[in-house]
Amino acid sequence: THALSFKDGQVRVETVRERRGERPWVLAR
């Protein structure tokens, strides 16, 4: 999932993969 946030005219994208990080149980990209 991607989350979009809007602040001061900028758009920020954050993904579930970024939040949970690279872990052994996370499928490789």
PDB file of all heavy atoms in Angstrom:
ATOM      1  N   THR A   1       0.831  -1.200   0.000  1.00  0.00           N
ATOM      2  CA  THR A   1       0.000   0.000   0.000  1.00  0.00           C
ATOM      3  C   THR A   1       0.869   1.255   0.000  1.00  0.00           C
ATOM      4  O   THR A   1       1.908   1.299   0.643  1.00  0.00           O
ATOM      5  CB  THR A   1      -0.904  -0.006   1.243  1.00  0.00           C
ATOM      6  OG1 THR A   1      -1.701  -1.191   1.220  1.00  0.00           O
ATOM      7  CG2 THR A   1      -1.802   1.213   1.297  1.00  0.00           C
ATOM      8  N   HIS A   2       0.424   2.269  -0.730  1.00  0.00           N
ATOM      9  CA  HIS A   2       1.108   3.557  -0.791  1.00  0.00           C
ATOM     10  C   HIS A   2       0.243   4.600  -0.085  1.00  0.00           C
ATOM     11  O   HIS A   2      -0.965   4.671  -0.313  1.00  0.00           O
ATOM     12  CB  HIS A   2       1.286   3.999  -2.247  1.00  0.00           C
ATOM     13  CG  HIS A   2       2.324   3.233  -2.999  1.00  0.00           C
ATOM     14  ND1 HIS A   2       2.335   1.865  -3.114  1.00  0.00           N
ATOM     15  CD2 HIS A   2       3.398   3.666  -3.689  1.00  0.00           C
ATOM     16  CE1 HIS A   2       3.363   1.491  -3.840  1.00  0.00           C
ATOM     17  NE2 HIS A   2       4.030   2.567  -4.204  1.00  0.00           N
ATOM     18  N   ALA A   3       0.865   5.392   0.759  1.00  0.00           N
ATOM     19  CA  ALA A   3       0.169   6.497   1.414  1.00  0.00           C
ATOM     20  C   ALA A   3       0.698   7.798   0.834  1.00  0.00           C
ATOM     21  O   ALA A   3       1.906   8.002   0.738  1.00  0.00           O
ATOM     22  CB  ALA A   3       0.409   6.460   2.913  1.00  0.00           C
ATOM     23  N   LEU A   4      -0.210   8.667   0.434  1.00  0.00           N
ATOM     24  CA  LEU A   4       0.160   9.985  -0.085  1.00  0.00           C
ATOM     25  C   LEU A   4      -0.174  11.017   0.980  1.00  0.00           C
ATOM     26  O   LEU A   4      -1.268  11.013   1.536  1.00  0.00           O
ATOM     27  CB  LEU A   4      -0.625  10.309  -1.358  1.00  0.00           C
ATOM     28  CG  LEU A   4      -0.498   9.339  -2.520  1.00  0.00           C
ATOM     29  CD1 LEU A   4      -1.442   9.732  -3.640  1.00  0.00           C
ATOM     30  CD2 LEU A   4       0.922   9.300  -3.023  1.00  0.00           C
ATOM     31  N   SER A   5       0.764  11.904   1.261  1.00  0.00           N
ATOM     32  CA  SER A   5       0.478  13.008   2.171  1.00  0.00           C
ATOM     33  C   SER A   5       0.847  14.309   1.461  1.00  0.00           C
ATOM     34  O   SER A   5       1.805  14.367   0.699  1.00  0.00           O
ATOM     35  CB  SER A   5       1.226  12.854   3.496  1.00  0.00           C
ATOM     36  OG  SER A   5       2.597  12.688   3.286  1.00  0.00           O
ATOM     37  N   PHE A   6       0.059  15.320   1.723  1.00  0.00           N
ATOM     38  CA  PHE A   6       0.199  16.607   1.045  1.00  0.00           C
ATOM     39  C   PHE A   6       0.445  17.684   2.090  1.00  0.00           C
ATOM     40  O   PHE A   6      -0.336  17.860   3.018  1.00  0.00           O
ATOM     41  CB  PHE A   6      -1.080  16.922   0.270  1.00  0.00           C
ATOM     42  CG  PHE A   6      -1.463  15.845  -0.696  1.00  0.00           C
ATOM     43  CD1 PHE A   6      -2.270  14.793  -0.301  1.00  0.00           C
ATOM     44  CD2 PHE A   6      -0.998  15.866  -1.999  1.00  0.00           C
ATOM     45  CE1 PHE A   6      -2.619  13.783  -1.198  1.00  0.00           C
ATOM     46  CE2 PHE A   6      -1.339  14.869  -2.901  1.00  0.00           C
ATOM     47  CZ  PHE A   6      -2.142  13.823  -2.489  1.00  0.00           C
ATOM     48  N   LYS A   7       1.561  18.399   1.922  1.00  0.00           N
ATOM     49  CA  LYS A   7       1.884  19.460   2.870  1.00  0.00           C
ATOM     50  C   LYS A   7       2.742  20.499   2.173  1.00  0.00           C
ATOM     51  O   LYS A   7       3.709  20.164   1.490  1.00  0.00           O
ATOM     52  CB  LYS A   7       2.635  18.882   4.070  1.00  0.00           C
ATOM     53  CG  LYS A   7       2.920  19.905   5.147  1.00  0.00           C
ATOM     54  CD  LYS A   7       3.574  19.275   6.349  1.00  0.00           C
ATOM     55  CE  LYS A   7       3.843  20.336   7.397  1.00  0.00           C
ATOM     56  NZ  LYS A   7       4.505  19.781   8.571  1.00  0.00           N
ATOM     57  N   ASP A   8       2.398  21.755   2.345  1.00  0.00           N
ATOM     58  CA  ASP A   8       3.156  22.880   1.789  1.00  0.00           C
ATOM     59  C   ASP A   8       3.411  22.729   0.292  1.00  0.00           C
ATOM     60  O   ASP A   8       4.507  22.995  -0.196  1.00  0.00           O
ATOM     61  CB  ASP A   8       4.493  23.049   2.528  1.00  0.00           C
ATOM     62  CG  ASP A   8       4.309  23.330   4.013  1.00  0.00           C
ATOM     63  OD1 ASP A   8       3.312  23.991   4.363  1.00  0.00           O
ATOM     64  OD2 ASP A   8       5.152  22.880   4.815  1.00  0.00           O
ATOM     65  N   GLY A   9       2.425  22.252  -0.428  1.00  0.00           N
ATOM     66  CA  GLY A   9       2.545  22.103  -1.876  1.00  0.00           C
ATOM     67  C   GLY A   9       3.356  20.909  -2.339  1.00  0.00           C
ATOM     68  O   GLY A   9       3.586  20.738  -3.526  1.00  0.00           O
ATOM     69  N   GLN A  10       3.795  20.096  -1.405  1.00  0.00           N
ATOM     70  CA  GLN A  10       4.595  18.919  -1.741  1.00  0.00           C
ATOM     71  C   GLN A  10       3.770  17.648  -1.534  1.00  0.00           C
ATOM     72  O   GLN A  10       2.876  17.610  -0.688  1.00  0.00           O
ATOM     73  CB  GLN A  10       5.844  18.846  -0.850  1.00  0.00           C
ATOM     74  CG  GLN A  10       6.767  20.036  -0.998  1.00  0.00           C
ATOM     75  CD  GLN A  10       7.356  20.138  -2.389  1.00  0.00           C
ATOM     76  OE1 GLN A  10       7.816  19.158  -2.946  1.00  0.00           O
ATOM     77  NE2 GLN A  10       7.314  21.330  -2.958  1.00  0.00           N
ATOM     78  N   VAL A  11       4.110  16.619  -2.301  1.00  0.00           N
ATOM     79  CA  VAL A  11       3.474  15.319  -2.154  1.00  0.00           C
ATOM     80  C   VAL A  11       4.531  14.347  -1.657  1.00  0.00           C
ATOM     81  O   VAL A  11       5.624  14.264  -2.216  1.00  0.00           O
ATOM     82  CB  VAL A  11       2.906  14.801  -3.492  1.00  0.00           C
ATOM     83  CG1 VAL A  11       2.231  13.454  -3.307  1.00  0.00           C
ATOM     84  CG2 VAL A  11       1.947  15.804  -4.099  1.00  0.00           C
ATOM     85  N   ARG A  12       4.215  13.635  -0.609  1.00  0.00           N
ATOM     86  CA  ARG A  12       5.130  12.625  -0.071  1.00  0.00           C
ATOM     87  C   ARG A  12       4.475  11.266  -0.216  1.00  0.00           C
ATOM     88  O   ARG A  12       3.295  11.111   0.083  1.00  0.00           O
ATOM     89  CB  ARG A  12       5.408  12.916   1.398  1.00  0.00           C
ATOM     90  CG  ARG A  12       6.404  11.968   2.011  1.00  0.00           C
ATOM     91  CD  ARG A  12       6.792  12.437   3.421  1.00  0.00           C
ATOM     92  NE  ARG A  12       7.683  11.472   4.011  1.00  0.00           N
ATOM     93  CZ  ARG A  12       7.292  10.445   4.773  1.00  0.00           C
ATOM     94  NH1 ARG A  12       6.013  10.282   5.038  1.00  0.00           N
ATOM     95  NH2 ARG A  12       8.166   9.604   5.260  1.00  0.00           N
ATOM     96  N   VAL A  13       5.252  10.285  -0.693  1.00  0.00           N
ATOM     97  CA  VAL A  13       4.753   8.929  -0.856  1.00  0.00           C
ATOM     98  C   VAL A  13       5.510   8.032   0.113  1.00  0.00           C
ATOM     99  O   VAL A  13       6.729   8.047   0.171  1.00  0.00           O
ATOM    100  CB  VAL A  13       4.962   8.420  -2.301  1.00  0.00           C
ATOM    101  CG1 VAL A  13       4.448   7.000  -2.446  1.00  0.00           C
ATOM    102  CG2 VAL A  13       4.296   9.343  -3.296  1.00  0.00           C
ATOM    103  N   GLU A  14       4.757   7.255   0.871  1.00  0.00           N
ATOM    104  CA  GLU A  14       5.363   6.288   1.777  1.00  0.00           C
ATOM    105  C   GLU A  14       4.691   4.939   1.523  1.00  0.00           C
ATOM    106  O   GLU A  14       3.479   4.867   1.351  1.00  0.00           O
ATOM    107  CB  GLU A  14       5.152   6.715   3.227  1.00  0.00           C
ATOM    108  CG  GLU A  14       5.856   5.827   4.215  1.00  0.00           C
ATOM    109  CD  GLU A  14       5.718   6.337   5.642  1.00  0.00           C
ATOM    110  OE1 GLU A  14       4.786   7.103   5.934  1.00  0.00           O
ATOM    111  OE2 GLU A  14       6.560   5.955   6.468  1.00  0.00           O
ATOM    112  N   THR A  15       5.498   3.882   1.481  1.00  0.00           N
ATOM    113  CA  THR A  15       4.956   2.559   1.206  1.00  0.00           C
ATOM    114  C   THR A  15       5.057   1.664   2.437  1.00  0.00           C
ATOM    115  O   THR A  15       5.840   1.916   3.346  1.00  0.00           O
ATOM    116  CB  THR A  15       5.707   1.870   0.047  1.00  0.00           C
ATOM    117  OG1 THR A  15       7.030   1.571   0.472  1.00  0.00           O
ATOM    118  CG2 THR A  15       5.721   2.738  -1.191  1.00  0.00           C
ATOM    119  N   VAL A  16       4.265   0.611   2.417  1.00  0.00           N
ATOM    120  CA  VAL A  16       4.319  -0.372   3.496  1.00  0.00           C
ATOM    121  C   VAL A  16       5.722  -0.962   3.585  1.00  0.00           C
ATOM    122  O   VAL A  16       6.267  -1.136   4.671  1.00  0.00           O
ATOM    123  CB  VAL A  16       3.270  -1.482   3.263  1.00  0.00           C
ATOM    124  CG1 VAL A  16       3.496  -2.665   4.193  1.00  0.00           C
ATOM    125  CG2 VAL A  16       1.881  -0.930   3.443  1.00  0.00           C
ATOM    126  N   ARG A  17       6.334  -1.249   2.441  1.00  0.00           N
ATOM    127  CA  ARG A  17       7.682  -1.833   2.445  1.00  0.00           C
ATOM    128  C   ARG A  17       8.669  -0.906   3.149  1.00  0.00           C
ATOM    129  O   ARG A  17       9.523  -1.352   3.908  1.00  0.00           O
ATOM    130  CB  ARG A  17       8.163  -2.116   1.035  1.00  0.00           C
ATOM    131  CG  ARG A  17       9.570  -2.720   1.018  1.00  0.00           C
ATOM    132  CD  ARG A  17       9.993  -3.167  -0.350  1.00  0.00           C
ATOM    133  NE  ARG A  17       9.288  -4.309  -0.838  1.00  0.00           N
ATOM    134  CZ  ARG A  17       9.554  -5.583  -0.509  1.00  0.00           C
ATOM    135  NH1 ARG A  17      10.526  -5.847   0.323  1.00  0.00           N
ATOM    136  NH2 ARG A  17       8.864  -6.558  -1.026  1.00  0.00           N
ATOM    137  N   GLU A  18       8.553   0.392   2.925  1.00  0.00           N
ATOM    138  CA  GLU A  18       9.453   1.340   3.593  1.00  0.00           C
ATOM    139  C   GLU A  18       9.255   1.307   5.108  1.00  0.00           C
ATOM    140  O   GLU A  18      10.214   1.396   5.867  1.00  0.00           O
ATOM    141  CB  GLU A  18       9.214   2.757   3.079  1.00  0.00           C
ATOM    142  CG  GLU A  18       9.655   2.973   1.660  1.00  0.00           C
ATOM    143  CD  GLU A  18       9.189   4.308   1.103  1.00  0.00           C
ATOM    144  OE1 GLU A  18       8.244   4.911   1.642  1.00  0.00           O
ATOM    145  OE2 GLU A  18       9.773   4.722   0.101  1.00  0.00           O
ATOM    146  N   ARG A  19       8.018   1.197   5.541  1.00  0.00           N
ATOM    147  CA  ARG A  19       7.720   1.210   6.978  1.00  0.00           C
ATOM    148  C   ARG A  19       8.173  -0.062   7.672  1.00  0.00           C
ATOM    149  O   ARG A  19       8.668  -0.025   8.775  1.00  0.00           O
ATOM    150  CB  ARG A  19       6.222   1.397   7.211  1.00  0.00           C
ATOM    151  CG  ARG A  19       5.703   2.744   6.784  1.00  0.00           C
ATOM    152  CD  ARG A  19       6.085   3.818   7.714  1.00  0.00           C
ATOM    153  NE  ARG A  19       5.308   3.690   8.929  1.00  0.00           N
ATOM    154  CZ  ARG A  19       5.499   4.434   9.979  1.00  0.00           C
ATOM    155  NH1 ARG A  19       6.406   5.354   9.974  1.00  0.00           N
ATOM    156  NH2 ARG A  19       4.777   4.260  11.054  1.00  0.00           N
ATOM    157  N   ARG A  20       7.997  -1.203   7.011  1.00  0.00           N
ATOM    158  CA  ARG A  20       8.341  -2.465   7.671  1.00  0.00           C
ATOM    159  C   ARG A  20       9.794  -2.861   7.459  1.00  0.00           C
ATOM    160  O   ARG A  20      10.315  -3.700   8.159  1.00  0.00           O
ATOM    161  CB  ARG A  20       7.404  -3.584   7.245  1.00  0.00           C
ATOM    162  CG  ARG A  20       7.564  -4.014   5.821  1.00  0.00           C
ATOM    163  CD  ARG A  20       6.583  -5.098   5.480  1.00  0.00           C
ATOM    164  NE  ARG A  20       6.724  -5.415   4.069  1.00  0.00           N
ATOM    165  CZ  ARG A  20       5.868  -6.062   3.368  1.00  0.00           C
ATOM    166  NH1 ARG A  20       4.761  -6.480   3.929  1.00  0.00           N
ATOM    167  NH2 ARG A  20       6.074  -6.316   2.113  1.00  0.00           N
ATOM    168  N   GLY A  21      10.443  -2.265   6.452  1.00  0.00           N
ATOM    169  CA  GLY A  21      11.858  -2.509   6.228  1.00  0.00           C
ATOM    170  C   GLY A  21      12.157  -3.824   5.538  1.00  0.00           C
ATOM    171  O   GLY A  21      11.265  -4.554   5.128  1.00  0.00           O
ATOM    172  N   GLU A  22      13.431  -4.099   5.416  1.00  0.00           N
ATOM    173  CA  GLU A  22      13.903  -5.338   4.802  1.00  0.00           C
ATOM    174  C   GLU A  22      14.102  -6.359   5.911  1.00  0.00           C
ATOM    175  O   GLU A  22      15.029  -6.246   6.711  1.00  0.00           O
ATOM    176  CB  GLU A  22      15.222  -5.087   4.051  1.00  0.00           C
ATOM    177  CG  GLU A  22      15.123  -4.074   2.929  1.00  0.00           C
ATOM    178  CD  GLU A  22      14.269  -4.558   1.764  1.00  0.00           C
ATOM    179  OE1 GLU A  22      14.159  -5.780   1.550  1.00  0.00           O
ATOM    180  OE2 GLU A  22      13.710  -3.690   1.082  1.00  0.00           O
ATOM    181  N   ARG A  23      13.244  -7.326   5.948  1.00  0.00           N
ATOM    182  CA  ARG A  23      13.303  -8.361   6.988  1.00  0.00           C
ATOM    183  C   ARG A  23      13.243  -9.728   6.328  1.00  0.00           C
ATOM    184  O   ARG A  23      12.765  -9.860   5.202  1.00  0.00           O
ATOM    185  CB  ARG A  23      12.145  -8.177   7.957  1.00  0.00           C
ATOM    186  CG  ARG A  23      12.155  -6.794   8.588  1.00  0.00           C
ATOM    187  CD  ARG A  23      11.645  -6.838   9.997  1.00  0.00           C
ATOM    188  NE  ARG A  23      11.899  -5.659  10.777  1.00  0.00           N
ATOM    189  CZ  ARG A  23      11.480  -4.432  10.548  1.00  0.00           C
ATOM    190  NH1 ARG A  23      10.789  -4.167   9.482  1.00  0.00           N
ATOM    191  NH2 ARG A  23      11.744  -3.442  11.381  1.00  0.00           N
ATOM    192  N   PRO A  24      13.717 -10.784   7.010  1.00  0.00           N
ATOM    193  CA  PRO A  24      13.733 -12.116   6.393  1.00  0.00           C
ATOM    194  C   PRO A  24      12.367 -12.591   5.927  1.00  0.00           C
ATOM    195  O   PRO A  24      12.254 -13.334   4.951  1.00  0.00           O
ATOM    196  CB  PRO A  24      14.264 -13.014   7.517  1.00  0.00           C
ATOM    197  CG  PRO A  24      14.999 -12.109   8.431  1.00  0.00           C
ATOM    198  CD  PRO A  24      14.324 -10.773   8.319  1.00  0.00           C
ATOM    199  N   TRP A  25      11.295 -12.153   6.558  1.00  0.00           N
ATOM    200  CA  TRP A  25       9.962 -12.616   6.188  1.00  0.00           C
ATOM    201  C   TRP A  25       9.302 -11.742   5.114  1.00  0.00           C
ATOM    202  O   TRP A  25       8.219 -12.021   4.665  1.00  0.00           O
ATOM    203  CB  TRP A  25       9.053 -12.705   7.404  1.00  0.00           C
ATOM    204  CG  TRP A  25       8.957 -11.417   8.174  1.00  0.00           C
ATOM    205  CD1 TRP A  25       8.099 -10.376   7.941  1.00  0.00           C
ATOM    206  CD2 TRP A  25       9.769 -11.029   9.282  1.00  0.00           C
ATOM    207  NE1 TRP A  25       8.339  -9.364   8.829  1.00  0.00           N
ATOM    208  CE2 TRP A  25       9.357  -9.743   9.665  1.00  0.00           C
ATOM    209  CE3 TRP A  25      10.805 -11.630   9.979  1.00  0.00           C
ATOM    210  CZ2 TRP A  25       9.931  -9.050  10.733  1.00  0.00           C
ATOM    211  CZ3 TRP A  25      11.374 -10.941  11.036  1.00  0.00           C
ATOM    212  CH2 TRP A  25      10.929  -9.672  11.413  1.00  0.00           C
ATOM    213  N   VAL A  26       9.989 -10.692   4.712  1.00  0.00           N
ATOM    214  CA  VAL A  26       9.477  -9.823   3.653  1.00  0.00           C
ATOM    215  C   VAL A  26      10.028 -10.330   2.323  1.00  0.00           C
ATOM    216  O   VAL A  26      11.226 -10.543   2.178  1.00  0.00           O
ATOM    217  CB  VAL A  26       9.918  -8.359   3.884  1.00  0.00           C
ATOM    218  CG1 VAL A  26       9.465  -7.482   2.740  1.00  0.00           C
ATOM    219  CG2 VAL A  26       9.377  -7.847   5.207  1.00  0.00           C
ATOM    220  N   LEU A  27       9.143 -10.558   1.358  1.00  0.00           N
ATOM    221  CA  LEU A  27       9.570 -11.061   0.058  1.00  0.00           C
ATOM    222  C   LEU A  27      10.571 -10.112  -0.579  1.00  0.00           C
ATOM    223  O   LEU A  27      10.453  -8.895  -0.477  1.00  0.00           O
ATOM    224  CB  LEU A  27       8.363 -11.217  -0.871  1.00  0.00           C
ATOM    225  CG  LEU A  27       7.338 -12.261  -0.461  1.00  0.00           C
ATOM    226  CD1 LEU A  27       6.150 -12.217  -1.404  1.00  0.00           C
ATOM    227  CD2 LEU A  27       7.946 -13.639  -0.416  1.00  0.00           C
ATOM    228  N   ALA A  28      11.547 -10.701  -1.244  1.00  0.00           N
ATOM    229  CA  ALA A  28      12.556  -9.895  -1.935  1.00  0.00           C
ATOM    230  C   ALA A  28      11.921  -9.098  -3.056  1.00  0.00           C
ATOM    231  O   ALA A  28      10.961  -9.537  -3.676  1.00  0.00           O
ATOM    232  CB  ALA A  28      13.658 -10.800  -2.490  1.00  0.00           C
ATOM    233  N   ARG A  29      12.461  -7.923  -3.322  1.00  0.00           N
ATOM    234  CA  ARG A  29      11.966  -7.092  -4.419  1.00  0.00           C
ATOM    235  C   ARG A  29      12.368  -7.713  -5.745  1.00  0.00           C
ATOM    236  O   ARG A  29      13.470  -8.183  -5.903  1.00  0.00           O
ATOM    237  CB  ARG A  29      12.570  -5.694  -4.350  1.00  0.00           C
ATOM    238  CG  ARG A  29      12.152  -4.923  -3.168  1.00  0.00           C
ATOM    239  CD  ARG A  29      12.805  -3.568  -3.216  1.00  0.00           C
ATOM    240  NE  ARG A  29      12.764  -2.982  -1.901  1.00  0.00           N
ATOM    241  CZ  ARG A  29      12.624  -1.696  -1.699  1.00  0.00           C
ATOM    242  NH1 ARG A  29      12.544  -0.874  -2.685  1.00  0.00           N
ATOM    243  NH2 ARG A  29      12.564  -1.216  -0.472  1.00  0.00           N
TER     244      ARG A  29
END
